[in-house]
Amino acid sequence: MGAVTGLLYAKHSPSLTAAVFDSPFKSLKSLIEDLCKKNTKIPALIISGALKIIGKTIEEKAKFDIYKINPLKN
């Protein structure tokens, strides 16, 4: 998670000339899906549906879209 924080910060820091990030995730959605697949036996279809519901709740309460968190696009 720290690598992603660094990537997102680096985008807004013109004085930063170099950085090393260890193991950032490619998107929050893929991270959640990978963790669920690795640690549970929940079918992908259920995870996908639950993620949509959870994503809407997060967007309403925290005011950000989990599908837009993609550090590699930064």
N, C-alpha and C. Protein backbone atom coordinates (compact mmCIF):
# COMPACT_ATOMS: atom_id res chain seq x y z
N MET A 1 0.81 -1.20 0.00
CA MET A 1 0.00 0.00 0.00
C MET A 1 0.86 1.26 0.00
N GLY A 2 2.02 1.21 0.63
CA GLY A 2 2.90 2.37 0.67
C GLY A 2 3.44 2.73 -0.71
N ALA A 3 3.66 1.72 -1.55
CA ALA A 3 4.15 1.98 -2.90
C ALA A 3 3.13 2.77 -3.69
N VAL A 4 1.86 2.44 -3.54
CA VAL A 4 0.81 3.16 -4.24
C VAL A 4 0.70 4.59 -3.73
N THR A 5 0.79 4.77 -2.43
CA THR A 5 0.76 6.12 -1.87
C THR A 5 1.90 6.95 -2.44
N GLY A 6 3.08 6.36 -2.54
CA GLY A 6 4.22 7.05 -3.12
C GLY A 6 4.00 7.42 -4.58
N LEU A 7 3.44 6.50 -5.36
CA LEU A 7 3.16 6.77 -6.77
C LEU A 7 2.16 7.92 -6.92
N LEU A 8 1.12 7.89 -6.11
CA LEU A 8 0.11 8.95 -6.20
C LEU A 8 0.68 10.29 -5.76
N TYR A 9 1.57 10.30 -4.76
CA TYR A 9 2.21 11.53 -4.31
C TYR A 9 3.18 12.06 -5.35
N ALA A 10 3.93 11.17 -5.97
CA ALA A 10 4.96 11.57 -6.94
C ALA A 10 4.37 12.37 -8.09
N LYS A 11 3.16 12.06 -8.46
CA LYS A 11 2.49 12.78 -9.55
C LYS A 11 2.37 14.27 -9.25
N HIS A 12 2.25 14.61 -7.98
CA HIS A 12 2.02 16.00 -7.57
C HIS A 12 3.26 16.66 -6.97
N SER A 13 4.41 16.04 -7.11
CA SER A 13 5.63 16.57 -6.52
C SER A 13 6.69 16.83 -7.59
N PRO A 14 6.73 18.06 -8.14
CA PRO A 14 7.68 18.34 -9.21
C PRO A 14 9.14 18.30 -8.76
N SER A 15 9.40 18.42 -7.48
CA SER A 15 10.78 18.39 -6.99
C SER A 15 11.33 16.97 -6.88
N LEU A 16 10.47 15.98 -6.95
CA LEU A 16 10.90 14.58 -6.87
C LEU A 16 11.54 14.16 -8.20
N THR A 17 12.78 13.74 -8.16
CA THR A 17 13.48 13.38 -9.40
C THR A 17 13.66 11.88 -9.58
N ALA A 18 13.57 11.11 -8.51
CA ALA A 18 13.70 9.66 -8.61
C ALA A 18 13.00 9.00 -7.43
N ALA A 19 12.54 7.78 -7.65
CA ALA A 19 11.88 7.04 -6.58
C ALA A 19 11.93 5.54 -6.90
N VAL A 20 11.88 4.74 -5.86
CA VAL A 20 11.82 3.29 -6.01
C VAL A 20 10.59 2.81 -5.25
N PHE A 21 9.72 2.11 -5.94
CA PHE A 21 8.51 1.60 -5.31
C PHE A 21 8.50 0.08 -5.41
N ASP A 22 8.26 -0.58 -4.31
CA ASP A 22 8.26 -2.04 -4.27
C ASP A 22 6.84 -2.57 -4.25
N SER A 23 6.45 -3.25 -5.29
CA SER A 23 5.19 -3.99 -5.39
C SER A 23 3.91 -3.16 -5.28
N PRO A 24 3.76 -2.15 -6.09
CA PRO A 24 2.46 -1.46 -6.07
C PRO A 24 1.41 -2.33 -6.76
N PHE A 25 0.15 -2.18 -6.36
CA PHE A 25 -0.90 -2.92 -7.06
C PHE A 25 -1.33 -2.13 -8.30
N LYS A 26 -1.86 -2.84 -9.31
CA LYS A 26 -2.21 -2.16 -10.56
C LYS A 26 -3.54 -1.43 -10.49
N SER A 27 -4.48 -1.92 -9.69
CA SER A 27 -5.74 -1.22 -9.46
C SER A 27 -6.34 -1.76 -8.16
N LEU A 28 -7.14 -0.94 -7.50
CA LEU A 28 -7.76 -1.38 -6.25
C LEU A 28 -8.71 -2.55 -6.52
N LYS A 29 -9.44 -2.48 -7.62
CA LYS A 29 -10.36 -3.56 -7.97
C LYS A 29 -9.61 -4.89 -8.13
N SER A 30 -8.51 -4.87 -8.86
CA SER A 30 -7.75 -6.12 -9.07
C SER A 30 -7.13 -6.62 -7.77
N LEU A 31 -6.71 -5.71 -6.90
CA LEU A 31 -6.16 -6.10 -5.61
C LEU A 31 -7.21 -6.83 -4.78
N ILE A 32 -8.40 -6.27 -4.71
CA ILE A 32 -9.48 -6.89 -3.94
C ILE A 32 -9.83 -8.27 -4.51
N GLU A 33 -9.95 -8.33 -5.85
CA GLU A 33 -10.29 -9.62 -6.48
C GLU A 33 -9.19 -10.66 -6.24
N ASP A 34 -7.94 -10.26 -6.36
CA ASP A 34 -6.82 -11.19 -6.13
C ASP A 34 -6.79 -11.69 -4.68
N LEU A 35 -7.00 -10.78 -3.73
CA LEU A 35 -6.99 -11.18 -2.32
C LEU A 35 -8.14 -12.13 -2.00
N CYS A 36 -9.31 -11.86 -2.56
CA CYS A 36 -10.45 -12.74 -2.33
C CYS A 36 -10.21 -14.12 -2.94
N LYS A 37 -9.65 -14.14 -4.15
CA LYS A 37 -9.37 -15.41 -4.82
C LYS A 37 -8.35 -16.22 -4.04
N LYS A 38 -7.34 -15.54 -3.51
CA LYS A 38 -6.26 -16.22 -2.80
C LYS A 38 -6.70 -16.71 -1.41
N ASN A 39 -7.54 -15.93 -0.73
CA ASN A 39 -7.84 -16.21 0.68
C ASN A 39 -9.23 -16.76 0.96
N THR A 40 -10.09 -16.86 -0.06
CA THR A 40 -11.44 -17.38 0.16
C THR A 40 -11.81 -18.33 -0.97
N LYS A 41 -12.93 -18.97 -0.81
CA LYS A 41 -13.47 -19.83 -1.86
C LYS A 41 -14.74 -19.21 -2.45
N ILE A 42 -14.88 -17.91 -2.30
CA ILE A 42 -16.06 -17.21 -2.82
C ILE A 42 -15.94 -17.13 -4.34
N PRO A 43 -17.01 -17.50 -5.06
CA PRO A 43 -16.97 -17.43 -6.52
C PRO A 43 -16.78 -15.99 -7.03
N ALA A 44 -16.09 -15.87 -8.16
CA ALA A 44 -15.78 -14.55 -8.73
C ALA A 44 -17.04 -13.73 -9.01
N LEU A 45 -18.12 -14.39 -9.41
CA LEU A 45 -19.37 -13.68 -9.69
C LEU A 45 -19.92 -13.00 -8.43
N ILE A 46 -19.84 -13.66 -7.31
CA ILE A 46 -20.31 -13.08 -6.04
C ILE A 46 -19.39 -11.93 -5.62
N ILE A 47 -18.10 -12.11 -5.78
CA ILE A 47 -17.15 -11.05 -5.43
C ILE A 47 -17.41 -9.82 -6.28
N SER A 48 -17.63 -10.02 -7.57
CA SER A 48 -17.91 -8.90 -8.48
C SER A 48 -19.17 -8.14 -8.07
N GLY A 49 -20.23 -8.87 -7.75
CA GLY A 49 -21.47 -8.23 -7.31
C GLY A 49 -21.31 -7.49 -6.00
N ALA A 50 -20.63 -8.11 -5.06
CA ALA A 50 -20.40 -7.47 -3.76
C ALA A 50 -19.53 -6.23 -3.92
N LEU A 51 -18.56 -6.30 -4.80
CA LEU A 51 -17.66 -5.16 -5.04
C LEU A 51 -18.42 -3.97 -5.59
N LYS A 52 -19.40 -4.21 -6.45
CA LYS A 52 -20.22 -3.11 -6.98
C LYS A 52 -21.03 -2.45 -5.87
N ILE A 53 -21.61 -3.26 -5.00
CA ILE A 53 -22.39 -2.71 -3.88
C ILE A 53 -21.49 -1.95 -2.91
N ILE A 54 -20.37 -2.54 -2.57
CA ILE A 54 -19.41 -1.90 -1.66
C ILE A 54 -18.87 -0.62 -2.28
N GLY A 55 -18.57 -0.67 -3.59
CA GLY A 55 -18.06 0.50 -4.29
C GLY A 55 -19.03 1.67 -4.24
N LYS A 56 -20.32 1.40 -4.41
CA LYS A 56 -21.33 2.46 -4.34
C LYS A 56 -21.39 3.06 -2.94
N THR A 57 -21.30 2.22 -1.92
CA THR A 57 -21.33 2.70 -0.54
C THR A 57 -20.10 3.57 -0.25
N ILE A 58 -18.93 3.13 -0.70
CA ILE A 58 -17.71 3.91 -0.50
C ILE A 58 -17.82 5.26 -1.21
N GLU A 59 -18.35 5.24 -2.43
CA GLU A 59 -18.48 6.49 -3.19
C GLU A 59 -19.43 7.47 -2.49
N GLU A 60 -20.51 6.97 -1.92
CA GLU A 60 -21.46 7.82 -1.21
C GLU A 60 -20.86 8.39 0.07
N LYS A 61 -20.14 7.55 0.82
CA LYS A 61 -19.64 7.98 2.13
C LYS A 61 -18.27 8.65 2.08
N ALA A 62 -17.35 8.12 1.27
CA ALA A 62 -15.98 8.64 1.25
C ALA A 62 -15.71 9.55 0.04
N LYS A 63 -16.67 9.62 -0.88
CA LYS A 63 -16.59 10.51 -2.05
C LYS A 63 -15.45 10.18 -3.00
N PHE A 64 -15.15 8.90 -3.20
CA PHE A 64 -14.22 8.51 -4.25
C PHE A 64 -14.66 7.19 -4.86
N ASP A 65 -14.27 6.99 -6.10
CA ASP A 65 -14.66 5.80 -6.86
C ASP A 65 -13.52 4.78 -6.82
N ILE A 66 -13.78 3.60 -6.24
CA ILE A 66 -12.73 2.60 -6.12
C ILE A 66 -12.26 2.10 -7.48
N TYR A 67 -13.07 2.25 -8.51
CA TYR A 67 -12.68 1.81 -9.84
C TYR A 67 -11.72 2.79 -10.52
N LYS A 68 -11.60 3.98 -9.97
CA LYS A 68 -10.68 4.98 -10.54
C LYS A 68 -9.32 4.98 -9.86
N ILE A 69 -9.16 4.18 -8.81
CA ILE A 69 -7.86 4.11 -8.14
C ILE A 69 -6.98 3.13 -8.92
N ASN A 70 -6.15 3.70 -9.76
CA ASN A 70 -5.28 2.91 -10.62
C ASN A 70 -3.91 3.59 -10.67
N PRO A 71 -3.01 3.24 -9.78
CA PRO A 71 -1.72 3.93 -9.68
C PRO A 71 -0.86 3.83 -10.93
N LEU A 72 -1.04 2.81 -11.73
CA LEU A 72 -0.22 2.67 -12.93
C LEU A 72 -0.59 3.68 -14.01
N LYS A 73 -1.77 4.25 -13.92
CA LYS A 73 -2.17 5.30 -14.87
C LYS A 73 -1.57 6.65 -14.48
N ASN A 74 -1.02 6.75 -13.29
CA ASN A 74 -0.40 7.99 -12.86
C ASN A 74 1.00 8.06 -13.38
